[in-house]
Amino acid sequence: MPPELSDDHVAAIGRVLNDHEVEFVIIGGMAARLHDTGHTTIDVDICPSSDDANLSNLADALRELGARLRVEGDPAGVAFDPHPAMLRDVEMMTLITEEGPLDLCFAPAGFPNGYDSLSEHASVIVVGAVDVPVASLRDVVTSKRAAGRPKDVVALPPLEAHLASRER
């Protein structure tokens, strides 16, 4: 299993996305980790806005990050052109970048409106001097519950306990 992504990698990805004015929210395991839950993860999952201007900004950011399609058995990934029209046609994309694994998910489980719904409750967390928007822990739990994958089901009890302790 690959090592957990460091804050330096998260900050570097966040910096490039911010520099290109990408509207996004960090979701999934990385969001859980950034909420100090002790959750571990090996990639950064983001939910970007799907409006045309943002897809253009995202495409530019992905080019700067040297993004390649992540495929099993090929650690270098497969080259692709991240143009906005192609990004509009995908729901999920797993990538490898020069700063580590990055997954795009435009409609995470439990949030069919994606960015529009998640950004309402997101907060900004500073990672390595970079401000990154992070889904609320409640939204992370909701999404993991809706996904129902074995890894999500296993992660739910500690995340729910952490959420309950924060809400007391």
C-alpha atoms as a PDB file:
ATOM      1  CA  MET A   1       0.000   0.000   0.000  1.00  0.00           C
ATOM      2  CA  PRO A   2       1.385   3.463  -0.851  1.00  0.00           C
ATOM      3  CA  PRO A   3       2.361   5.716   2.041  1.00  0.00           C
ATOM      4  CA  GLU A   4      -0.018   8.280   3.472  1.00  0.00           C
ATOM      5  CA  LEU A   5       0.124  11.629   1.702  1.00  0.00           C
ATOM      6  CA  SER A   6       1.984  14.288   3.686  1.00  0.00           C
ATOM      7  CA  ASP A   7       0.726  17.783   4.447  1.00  0.00           C
ATOM      8  CA  ASP A   8       3.397  19.075   2.047  1.00  0.00           C
ATOM      9  CA  HIS A   9       1.757  17.189  -0.818  1.00  0.00           C
ATOM     10  CA  VAL A  10      -1.719  18.395   0.176  1.00  0.00           C
ATOM     11  CA  ALA A  11      -0.453  21.980   0.415  1.00  0.00           C
ATOM     12  CA  ALA A  12       1.271  21.760  -2.985  1.00  0.00           C
ATOM     13  CA  ILE A  13      -1.883  20.464  -4.688  1.00  0.00           C
ATOM     14  CA  GLY A  14      -3.999  23.068  -2.880  1.00  0.00           C
ATOM     15  CA  ARG A  15      -1.596  25.867  -3.863  1.00  0.00           C
ATOM     16  CA  VAL A  16      -1.799  25.001  -7.569  1.00  0.00           C
ATOM     17  CA  LEU A  17      -5.592  24.744  -7.448  1.00  0.00           C
ATOM     18  CA  ASN A  18      -5.787  28.088  -5.624  1.00  0.00           C
ATOM     19  CA  ASP A  19      -3.311  29.734  -8.019  1.00  0.00           C
ATOM     20  CA  HIS A  20      -5.604  28.746 -10.886  1.00  0.00           C
ATOM     21  CA  GLU A  21      -8.680  29.957  -8.973  1.00  0.00           C
ATOM     22  CA  VAL A  22     -10.279  26.506  -9.015  1.00  0.00           C
ATOM     23  CA  GLU A  23     -13.442  26.295  -6.928  1.00  0.00           C
ATOM     24  CA  PHE A  24     -13.210  22.971  -5.071  1.00  0.00           C
ATOM     25  CA  VAL A  25     -13.789  21.269  -1.753  1.00  0.00           C
ATOM     26  CA  ILE A  26     -11.557  18.543  -0.320  1.00  0.00           C
ATOM     27  CA  ILE A  27     -13.735  15.520   0.456  1.00  0.00           C
ATOM     28  CA  GLY A  28     -13.372  11.906   1.578  1.00  0.00           C
ATOM     29  CA  GLY A  29     -10.574  10.534   3.672  1.00  0.00           C
ATOM     30  CA  MET A  30      -8.361  13.598   3.350  1.00  0.00           C
ATOM     31  CA  ALA A  31     -11.210  15.819   4.582  1.00  0.00           C
ATOM     32  CA  ALA A  32     -11.636  13.459   7.550  1.00  0.00           C
ATOM     33  CA  ARG A  33      -7.910  13.616   8.265  1.00  0.00           C
ATOM     34  CA  LEU A  34      -7.838  17.421   8.052  1.00  0.00           C
ATOM     35  CA  HIS A  35     -10.583  17.505  10.696  1.00  0.00           C
ATOM     36  CA  ASP A  36      -8.089  15.810  13.077  1.00  0.00           C
ATOM     37  CA  THR A  37      -9.945  12.504  13.217  1.00  0.00           C
ATOM     38  CA  GLY A  38      -6.839  10.335  12.950  1.00  0.00           C
ATOM     39  CA  HIS A  39      -8.151   8.937   9.649  1.00  0.00           C
ATOM     40  CA  THR A  40      -5.403   7.928   7.216  1.00  0.00           C
ATOM     41  CA  THR A  41      -5.502   8.193   3.451  1.00  0.00           C
ATOM     42  CA  ILE A  42      -3.190   7.972   0.465  1.00  0.00           C
ATOM     43  CA  ASP A  43      -4.777  10.519  -1.858  1.00  0.00           C
ATOM     44  CA  VAL A  44      -6.513  13.875  -2.063  1.00  0.00           C
ATOM     45  CA  ASP A  45     -10.145  13.706  -3.171  1.00  0.00           C
ATOM     46  CA  ILE A  46     -11.709  16.933  -4.392  1.00  0.00           C
ATOM     47  CA  CYS A  47     -15.155  17.914  -5.574  1.00  0.00           C
ATOM     48  CA  PRO A  48     -14.708  20.752  -8.071  1.00  0.00           C
ATOM     49  CA  SER A  49     -17.412  23.071  -9.323  1.00  0.00           C
ATOM     50  CA  SER A  50     -18.593  21.992 -12.758  1.00  0.00           C
ATOM     51  CA  ASP A  51     -19.265  25.430 -14.205  1.00  0.00           C
ATOM     52  CA  ASP A  52     -17.496  26.197 -17.490  1.00  0.00           C
ATOM     53  CA  ALA A  53     -15.013  28.758 -16.148  1.00  0.00           C
ATOM     54  CA  ASN A  54     -14.032  26.445 -13.303  1.00  0.00           C
ATOM     55  CA  LEU A  55     -13.512  23.481 -15.607  1.00  0.00           C
ATOM     56  CA  SER A  56     -11.153  25.640 -17.675  1.00  0.00           C
ATOM     57  CA  ASN A  57      -9.249  26.659 -14.525  1.00  0.00           C
ATOM     58  CA  LEU A  58      -9.165  23.035 -13.357  1.00  0.00           C
ATOM     59  CA  ALA A  59      -7.779  21.883 -16.711  1.00  0.00           C
ATOM     60  CA  ASP A  60      -4.967  24.444 -16.429  1.00  0.00           C
ATOM     61  CA  ALA A  61      -4.216  23.368 -12.854  1.00  0.00           C
ATOM     62  CA  LEU A  62      -4.116  19.696 -13.846  1.00  0.00           C
ATOM     63  CA  ARG A  63      -1.641  20.500 -16.621  1.00  0.00           C
ATOM     64  CA  GLU A  64       0.581  22.358 -14.156  1.00  0.00           C
ATOM     65  CA  LEU A  65       0.404  19.413 -11.744  1.00  0.00           C
ATOM     66  CA  GLY A  66       1.451  17.053 -14.556  1.00  0.00           C
ATOM     67  CA  ALA A  67      -1.713  15.015 -13.994  1.00  0.00           C
ATOM     68  CA  ARG A  68      -1.921  11.580 -15.568  1.00  0.00           C
ATOM     69  CA  LEU A  69      -4.657   8.966 -15.373  1.00  0.00           C
ATOM     70  CA  ARG A  70      -3.958   6.579 -12.502  1.00  0.00           C
ATOM     71  CA  VAL A  71      -4.123   2.951 -13.611  1.00  0.00           C
ATOM     72  CA  GLU A  72      -3.311  -0.204 -11.718  1.00  0.00           C
ATOM     73  CA  GLY A  73       0.092  -1.618 -12.599  1.00  0.00           C
ATOM     74  CA  ASP A  74       1.433   1.629 -14.074  1.00  0.00           C
ATOM     75  CA  PRO A  75       2.841   3.875 -11.333  1.00  0.00           C
ATOM     76  CA  ALA A  76       3.603   6.658 -13.841  1.00  0.00           C
ATOM     77  CA  GLY A  77       0.004   6.755 -15.065  1.00  0.00           C
ATOM     78  CA  VAL A  78      -1.295   7.383 -18.565  1.00  0.00           C
ATOM     79  CA  ALA A  79      -1.019  10.759 -20.281  1.00  0.00           C
ATOM     80  CA  PHE A  80      -4.229  12.566 -21.203  1.00  0.00           C
ATOM     81  CA  ASP A  81      -5.341  16.046 -22.181  1.00  0.00           C
ATOM     82  CA  PRO A  82      -7.448  17.503 -19.348  1.00  0.00           C
ATOM     83  CA  HIS A  83      -9.505  19.843 -21.508  1.00  0.00           C
ATOM     84  CA  PRO A  84     -12.721  21.332 -20.051  1.00  0.00           C
ATOM     85  CA  ALA A  85     -15.094  19.490 -22.407  1.00  0.00           C
ATOM     86  CA  MET A  86     -13.619  16.144 -21.374  1.00  0.00           C
ATOM     87  CA  LEU A  87     -13.820  17.065 -17.670  1.00  0.00           C
ATOM     88  CA  ARG A  88     -17.508  17.954 -18.131  1.00  0.00           C
ATOM     89  CA  ASP A  89     -18.198  14.384 -19.295  1.00  0.00           C
ATOM     90  CA  VAL A  90     -16.760  12.565 -16.267  1.00  0.00           C
ATOM     91  CA  GLU A  91     -18.175  11.973 -12.807  1.00  0.00           C
ATOM     92  CA  MET A  92     -15.006  10.544 -11.265  1.00  0.00           C
ATOM     93  CA  MET A  93     -11.367  10.557 -12.302  1.00  0.00           C
ATOM     94  CA  THR A  94      -8.373   9.071 -10.498  1.00  0.00           C
ATOM     95  CA  LEU A  95      -5.102  10.812 -11.237  1.00  0.00           C
ATOM     96  CA  ILE A  96      -1.461  10.764 -10.306  1.00  0.00           C
ATOM     97  CA  THR A  97       0.261  14.139 -10.197  1.00  0.00           C
ATOM     98  CA  GLU A  98       3.778  15.348  -9.526  1.00  0.00           C
ATOM     99  CA  GLU A  99       2.532  16.032  -5.983  1.00  0.00           C
ATOM    100  CA  GLY A 100       0.803  12.690  -5.421  1.00  0.00           C
ATOM    101  CA  PRO A 101      -2.544  11.016  -6.080  1.00  0.00           C
ATOM    102  CA  LEU A 102      -5.528  13.278  -6.759  1.00  0.00           C
ATOM    103  CA  ASP A 103      -9.096  12.116  -7.354  1.00  0.00           C
ATOM    104  CA  LEU A 104     -11.809  14.282  -8.905  1.00  0.00           C
ATOM    105  CA  CYS A 105     -15.390  13.498  -7.949  1.00  0.00           C
ATOM    106  CA  PHE A 106     -18.050  15.803  -9.330  1.00  0.00           C
ATOM    107  CA  ALA A 107     -21.027  14.114  -7.582  1.00  0.00           C
ATOM    108  CA  PRO A 108     -19.895  12.325  -4.394  1.00  0.00           C
ATOM    109  CA  ALA A 109     -22.208   9.753  -2.818  1.00  0.00           C
ATOM    110  CA  GLY A 110     -24.974  11.544  -0.948  1.00  0.00           C
ATOM    111  CA  PHE A 111     -24.341  14.824  -2.789  1.00  0.00           C
ATOM    112  CA  PRO A 112     -25.688  14.661  -6.357  1.00  0.00           C
ATOM    113  CA  ASN A 113     -25.305  18.460  -6.630  1.00  0.00           C
ATOM    114  CA  GLY A 114     -21.632  18.078  -5.750  1.00  0.00           C
ATOM    115  CA  TYR A 115     -19.747  21.286  -5.143  1.00  0.00           C
ATOM    116  CA  ASP A 116     -22.867  23.432  -4.788  1.00  0.00           C
ATOM    117  CA  SER A 117     -24.092  21.367  -1.817  1.00  0.00           C
ATOM    118  CA  LEU A 118     -20.710  20.662  -0.214  1.00  0.00           C
ATOM    119  CA  SER A 119     -19.401  24.228  -0.375  1.00  0.00           C
ATOM    120  CA  GLU A 120     -22.321  25.441   1.788  1.00  0.00           C
ATOM    121  CA  HIS A 121     -20.909  23.767   4.919  1.00  0.00           C
ATOM    122  CA  ALA A 122     -17.211  23.656   4.009  1.00  0.00           C
ATOM    123  CA  SER A 123     -14.606  25.415   6.098  1.00  0.00           C
ATOM    124  CA  VAL A 124     -11.133  26.647   5.265  1.00  0.00           C
ATOM    125  CA  ILE A 125      -8.287  24.763   6.911  1.00  0.00           C
ATOM    126  CA  VAL A 126      -4.676  25.888   6.649  1.00  0.00           C
ATOM    127  CA  VAL A 127      -2.331  23.138   5.476  1.00  0.00           C
ATOM    128  CA  GLY A 128       1.335  24.078   5.165  1.00  0.00           C
ATOM    129  CA  ALA A 129       0.445  27.806   4.956  1.00  0.00           C
ATOM    130  CA  VAL A 130      -2.112  27.142   2.180  1.00  0.00           C
ATOM    131  CA  ASP A 131      -5.827  27.760   2.728  1.00  0.00           C
ATOM    132  CA  VAL A 132      -7.849  24.805   1.452  1.00  0.00           C
ATOM    133  CA  PRO A 133     -11.641  24.406   1.499  1.00  0.00           C
ATOM    134  CA  VAL A 134     -12.629  21.207   3.303  1.00  0.00           C
ATOM    135  CA  ALA A 135     -16.022  19.510   3.458  1.00  0.00           C
ATOM    136  CA  SER A 136     -17.617  19.533   6.888  1.00  0.00           C
ATOM    137  CA  LEU A 137     -17.080  16.388   8.922  1.00  0.00           C
ATOM    138  CA  ARG A 138     -20.866  15.877   8.966  1.00  0.00           C
ATOM    139  CA  ASP A 139     -20.857  15.920   5.132  1.00  0.00           C
ATOM    140  CA  VAL A 140     -17.923  13.480   5.031  1.00  0.00           C
ATOM    141  CA  VAL A 141     -19.856  11.083   7.271  1.00  0.00           C
ATOM    142  CA  THR A 142     -23.013  11.501   5.163  1.00  0.00           C
ATOM    143  CA  SER A 143     -21.074  10.723   1.986  1.00  0.00           C
ATOM    144  CA  LYS A 144     -19.279   7.697   3.421  1.00  0.00           C
ATOM    145  CA  ARG A 145     -22.589   6.335   4.736  1.00  0.00           C
ATOM    146  CA  ALA A 146     -24.223   6.847   1.310  1.00  0.00           C
ATOM    147  CA  ALA A 147     -21.294   5.217  -0.523  1.00  0.00           C
ATOM    148  CA  GLY A 148     -21.503   2.112   1.644  1.00  0.00           C
ATOM    149  CA  ARG A 149     -18.227   0.680   0.370  1.00  0.00           C
ATOM    150  CA  PRO A 150     -16.544  -1.711   2.820  1.00  0.00           C
ATOM    151  CA  LYS A 151     -13.732   0.785   3.520  1.00  0.00           C
ATOM    152  CA  ASP A 152     -16.319   3.498   4.241  1.00  0.00           C
ATOM    153  CA  VAL A 153     -18.398   1.265   6.530  1.00  0.00           C
ATOM    154  CA  VAL A 154     -15.276   0.457   8.555  1.00  0.00           C
ATOM    155  CA  ALA A 155     -14.346   4.150   8.787  1.00  0.00           C
ATOM    156  CA  LEU A 156     -17.790   5.320   9.939  1.00  0.00           C
ATOM    157  CA  PRO A 157     -17.793   4.408  13.679  1.00  0.00           C
ATOM    158  CA  PRO A 158     -14.652   6.399  14.576  1.00  0.00           C
ATOM    159  CA  LEU A 159     -15.688   9.317  12.354  1.00  0.00           C
ATOM    160  CA  GLU A 160     -19.184   9.374  13.874  1.00  0.00           C
ATOM    161  CA  ALA A 161     -17.704   9.222  17.392  1.00  0.00           C
ATOM    162  CA  HIS A 162     -15.383  12.128  16.581  1.00  0.00           C
ATOM    163  CA  LEU A 163     -18.286  14.102  15.143  1.00  0.00           C
ATOM    164  CA  ALA A 164     -20.430  13.428  18.213  1.00  0.00           C
ATOM    165  CA  SER A 165     -17.627  14.539  20.557  1.00  0.00           C
ATOM    166  CA  ARG A 166     -17.209  17.795  18.601  1.00  0.00           C
ATOM    167  CA  GLU A 167     -20.921  18.535  18.673  1.00  0.00           C
ATOM    168  CA  ARG A 168     -21.248  18.196  22.457  1.00  0.00           C
END
